[in-house]
Amino acid sequence: MIFLNAPIQQQQIIDLLNNYSENGVSFELESKKGMKLVFKTNMDDLEAAAKLAKSVIKAEPWGSVLYFQAGVEK
C-alpha cells in the first residue's frame, strides 16, 4: 500500500486515484485518517506506485500547486 499526506484537496485526490486506470494500474482508497490517505494498488513496485500517484496528481491543474507527501506504507 502507498500513502499520501495531503492537508487539502483530499476528496479530489481520492476521486482522481480511485478512477485512475491506465496501463492496467489501479488505486483504491483503503483508509483515511486526518491528512493521511492510504491506497491499495495492483502495482508490485510500491515505490514506483507512489511516484506514479504523485505525478498523476501533479498533472492536474489543482495538483500542480499542492504540497503533499507520497510514500510506501510500512
Protein backbone atom coordinates (compact mmCIF):
# COMPACT_ATOMS: atom_id res chain seq x y z
CA MET A 1 0.00 0.00 0.00
CA ILE A 2 1.01 3.60 -0.53
CA PHE A 3 0.16 6.71 1.46
CA LEU A 4 -0.35 10.36 0.69
CA ASN A 5 -0.21 13.07 3.34
CA ALA A 6 -2.38 15.85 1.99
CA PRO A 7 -3.93 18.54 4.21
CA ILE A 8 -6.22 19.90 1.46
CA GLN A 9 -7.93 18.67 -1.73
CA GLN A 10 -8.33 15.20 -0.22
CA GLN A 11 -11.61 14.41 -1.97
CA GLN A 12 -10.17 15.43 -5.36
CA ILE A 13 -7.15 13.16 -4.75
CA ILE A 14 -9.38 10.26 -3.70
CA ASP A 15 -11.64 10.66 -6.75
CA LEU A 16 -8.67 11.00 -9.10
CA LEU A 17 -6.80 7.93 -7.88
CA ASN A 18 -9.89 5.74 -7.40
CA ASN A 19 -10.81 6.41 -11.04
CA TYR A 20 -7.27 6.03 -12.41
CA SER A 21 -6.81 3.05 -14.73
CA GLU A 22 -4.02 3.38 -17.28
CA ASN A 23 -1.74 0.55 -18.38
CA GLY A 24 -3.61 -1.80 -16.04
CA VAL A 25 -2.63 0.19 -12.93
CA SER A 26 -5.29 0.99 -10.36
CA PHE A 27 -5.54 2.57 -6.93
CA GLU A 28 -8.24 2.13 -4.29
CA LEU A 29 -8.64 4.10 -1.08
CA GLU A 30 -8.06 1.80 1.89
CA SER A 31 -8.27 4.28 4.76
CA LYS A 32 -8.31 7.95 5.65
CA LYS A 33 -7.17 9.34 8.98
CA GLY A 34 -6.59 13.05 9.35
CA MET A 35 -4.46 14.13 6.43
CA LYS A 36 -3.17 10.60 5.71
CA LEU A 37 -4.74 8.73 2.79
CA VAL A 38 -3.78 5.07 2.31
CA PHE A 39 -4.34 3.40 -1.08
CA LYS A 40 -4.13 -0.19 -2.26
CA THR A 41 -2.60 -0.65 -5.69
CA ASN A 42 -2.08 -3.56 -8.04
CA MET A 43 1.50 -2.49 -8.80
CA ASP A 44 4.23 -4.75 -7.41
CA ASP A 45 6.77 -1.94 -7.09
CA LEU A 46 5.27 0.25 -4.36
CA GLU A 47 7.95 2.94 -4.68
CA ALA A 48 7.05 3.30 -8.36
CA ALA A 49 3.34 3.33 -7.44
CA ALA A 50 3.88 6.22 -5.01
CA LYS A 51 5.82 8.16 -7.66
CA LEU A 52 3.11 7.47 -10.24
CA ALA A 53 0.35 8.63 -7.88
CA LYS A 54 2.30 11.82 -7.17
CA SER A 55 2.84 12.53 -10.87
CA VAL A 56 -0.83 11.87 -11.68
CA ILE A 57 -1.88 14.39 -9.01
CA LYS A 58 0.75 16.96 -10.08
CA ALA A 59 -0.54 16.71 -13.68
CA GLU A 60 -3.91 18.14 -12.60
CA PRO A 61 -4.35 21.94 -12.68
CA TRP A 62 -5.22 21.96 -8.97
CA GLY A 63 -2.48 19.44 -8.16
CA SER A 64 0.42 21.38 -9.60
CA VAL A 65 0.30 23.84 -6.67
CA LEU A 66 -0.47 21.30 -3.96
CA TYR A 67 2.04 20.44 -1.25
CA PHE A 68 1.81 16.80 -0.20
CA GLN A 69 3.94 13.73 0.51
CA ALA A 70 3.74 10.30 -1.11
CA GLY A 71 5.40 7.14 0.13
CA VAL A 72 5.14 3.44 0.88
CA GLU A 73 3.03 2.30 3.83
CA LYS A 74 5.15 0.03 6.04
